[in-house]
């Protein structure tokens, strides 16, 4: 499941025989860090990044239209470290994720529900989904790791 974009690549990496590190997509490992590009909405680099992310997301989620794409999946938080999205951001991904993972849409919807936190004191903020929790549930259900206790 996709969370909010970040200026940094948090995917795992591997080392080759010479000790060079690469992300799983083959790009060079840049080290662990955090942060945001902090581009203004008018910055052309931000517009280019968002447009590229939209096209990539729509290609991976053919049942989603551009008009139905939740903004929080395409906009980074100020820190670049935001593992939570609004429930709509997870729900639009469920059909493609069910097909890719072999899990049922019902299983995925239950994981989203299990990892949804309500408003603070019932009134402040919005409901959010912990994407890491959902991804750990998916990995456990696929047999990629042991049972996760949260």
Protein backbone atom coordinates (compact mmCIF):
# COMPACT_ATOMS: atom_id res chain seq x y z
CA UNK A 1 0.00 0.00 0.00
CA UNK A 2 1.29 3.44 -0.89
CA UNK A 3 1.69 6.17 1.70
CA UNK A 4 2.49 9.84 1.18
CA UNK A 5 5.47 10.69 -1.04
CA UNK A 6 8.82 11.60 0.44
CA UNK A 7 11.96 13.21 -0.93
CA UNK A 8 13.81 10.08 0.19
CA UNK A 9 13.68 6.44 -0.80
CA UNK A 10 12.92 4.27 2.22
CA UNK A 11 12.98 0.95 0.38
CA UNK A 12 15.33 -1.73 1.54
CA UNK A 13 18.68 -2.08 -0.15
CA UNK A 14 21.13 -4.83 -0.99
CA UNK A 15 24.89 -5.05 -1.37
CA UNK A 16 26.69 -6.50 -4.37
CA UNK A 17 29.92 -8.53 -4.20
CA UNK A 18 32.06 -5.38 -4.04
CA UNK A 19 30.06 -3.91 -1.17
CA UNK A 20 28.19 -1.34 -3.29
CA UNK A 21 24.67 -0.69 -2.04
CA UNK A 22 21.59 -0.42 -4.25
CA UNK A 23 17.88 0.01 -3.63
CA UNK A 24 15.71 -2.90 -4.72
CA UNK A 25 14.80 -0.97 -7.88
CA UNK A 26 18.50 -0.91 -8.88
CA UNK A 27 19.15 2.75 -8.12
CA UNK A 28 22.19 3.67 -6.03
CA UNK A 29 21.67 3.65 -2.27
CA UNK A 30 21.92 7.24 -1.02
CA UNK A 31 22.01 6.44 2.68
CA UNK A 32 19.36 6.79 5.31
CA UNK A 33 17.95 10.23 5.89
CA UNK A 34 14.70 12.06 6.17
CA UNK A 35 13.24 15.30 5.06
CA UNK A 36 11.25 17.10 2.47
CA UNK A 37 12.01 19.13 -0.63
CA UNK A 38 9.65 21.78 0.76
CA UNK A 39 8.69 22.98 -2.73
CA UNK A 40 6.11 25.75 -2.97
CA UNK A 41 2.94 24.86 -4.90
CA UNK A 42 4.11 27.11 -7.74
CA UNK A 43 7.54 25.44 -8.06
CA UNK A 44 7.84 23.66 -11.44
CA UNK A 45 9.84 20.82 -9.82
CA UNK A 46 6.92 20.10 -7.47
CA UNK A 47 4.44 20.15 -10.33
CA UNK A 48 6.64 17.75 -12.33
CA UNK A 49 7.03 15.38 -9.36
CA UNK A 50 3.31 15.33 -8.62
CA UNK A 51 2.39 14.79 -12.28
CA UNK A 52 4.88 11.90 -12.56
CA UNK A 53 3.53 10.35 -9.34
CA UNK A 54 -0.04 10.67 -10.60
CA UNK A 55 0.77 8.92 -13.88
CA UNK A 56 2.66 6.13 -12.08
CA UNK A 57 -0.18 5.62 -9.58
CA UNK A 58 -2.89 5.58 -12.25
CA UNK A 59 -0.92 3.03 -14.29
CA UNK A 60 -0.66 0.75 -11.23
CA UNK A 61 -4.31 1.30 -10.23
CA UNK A 62 -6.33 1.17 -13.47
CA UNK A 63 -9.69 1.27 -11.68
CA UNK A 64 -8.90 4.74 -10.28
CA UNK A 65 -9.55 7.89 -12.28
CA UNK A 66 -7.58 11.08 -11.90
CA UNK A 67 -10.66 12.76 -10.43
CA UNK A 68 -11.00 10.08 -7.72
CA UNK A 69 -7.33 10.18 -6.70
CA UNK A 70 -6.99 11.41 -3.09
CA UNK A 71 -4.64 14.40 -2.84
CA UNK A 72 -2.82 13.06 0.24
CA UNK A 73 -1.33 10.24 -1.87
CA UNK A 74 0.36 12.79 -4.13
CA UNK A 75 1.38 15.50 -1.67
CA UNK A 76 4.23 15.12 0.81
CA UNK A 77 4.05 16.23 4.41
CA UNK A 78 6.41 18.99 5.58
CA UNK A 79 8.74 16.48 7.23
CA UNK A 80 8.59 13.90 4.46
CA UNK A 81 7.87 11.32 7.18
CA UNK A 82 4.16 10.66 7.27
CA UNK A 83 3.12 7.00 7.42
CA UNK A 84 -0.57 7.86 7.63
CA UNK A 85 -3.12 8.65 4.94
CA UNK A 86 -6.82 9.29 4.98
CA UNK A 87 -9.02 6.18 4.57
CA UNK A 88 -9.94 7.18 1.00
CA UNK A 89 -6.27 6.95 0.06
CA UNK A 90 -6.15 3.30 1.09
CA UNK A 91 -9.54 2.31 -0.30
CA UNK A 92 -8.72 3.36 -3.87
CA UNK A 93 -5.71 1.02 -3.79
CA UNK A 94 -7.58 -2.10 -2.65
CA UNK A 95 -8.64 -3.53 -6.06
CA UNK A 96 -5.12 -3.37 -7.54
CA UNK A 97 -3.58 -4.59 -4.29
CA UNK A 98 -5.97 -7.54 -4.12
CA UNK A 99 -4.98 -8.56 -7.63
CA UNK A 100 -1.25 -8.16 -6.94
CA UNK A 101 -1.25 -9.89 -3.55
CA UNK A 102 -3.82 -12.63 -4.06
CA UNK A 103 -5.64 -11.47 -0.92
CA UNK A 104 -9.35 -10.77 -1.04
CA UNK A 105 -10.68 -7.23 -1.04
CA UNK A 106 -12.49 -8.10 2.21
CA UNK A 107 -9.18 -9.09 3.89
CA UNK A 108 -7.58 -5.86 2.76
CA UNK A 109 -10.55 -3.76 3.86
CA UNK A 110 -10.39 -5.42 7.30
CA UNK A 111 -6.70 -4.59 7.58
CA UNK A 112 -7.43 -0.96 6.71
CA UNK A 113 -10.18 -0.89 9.34
CA UNK A 114 -7.87 -2.50 11.93
CA UNK A 115 -5.22 0.15 11.26
CA UNK A 116 -7.53 3.17 11.24
CA UNK A 117 -7.29 5.65 14.09
CA UNK A 118 -10.23 7.94 14.83
CA UNK A 119 -10.25 11.63 15.56
CA UNK A 120 -8.41 12.73 18.70
CA UNK A 121 -10.97 12.85 21.51
CA UNK A 122 -13.57 12.17 18.85
CA UNK A 123 -13.48 15.72 17.48
CA UNK A 124 -9.95 16.88 16.56
CA UNK A 125 -8.31 16.04 13.27
CA UNK A 126 -9.42 13.31 10.89
CA UNK A 127 -9.44 9.54 10.75
CA UNK A 128 -6.13 8.22 9.42
CA UNK A 129 -4.79 4.84 8.37
CA UNK A 130 -1.34 3.62 9.46
CA UNK A 131 0.02 2.39 6.11
CA UNK A 132 2.93 0.54 7.73
CA UNK A 133 0.47 -1.46 9.83
CA UNK A 134 -1.53 -2.39 6.73
CA UNK A 135 1.63 -3.38 4.85
CA UNK A 136 2.78 -5.56 7.76
CA UNK A 137 -0.64 -7.25 7.82
CA UNK A 138 -0.40 -7.89 4.08
CA UNK A 139 3.12 -9.32 4.36
CA UNK A 140 2.01 -11.63 7.20
CA UNK A 141 -1.09 -12.78 5.28
CA UNK A 142 1.08 -13.55 2.24
CA UNK A 143 3.45 -15.60 4.40
CA UNK A 144 6.32 -13.18 3.87
CA UNK A 145 6.86 -12.79 7.62
CA UNK A 146 5.58 -14.07 10.92
CA UNK A 147 2.46 -12.82 12.67
CA UNK A 148 2.76 -9.16 13.69
CA UNK A 149 1.48 -8.05 17.07
CA UNK A 150 0.59 -4.38 17.31
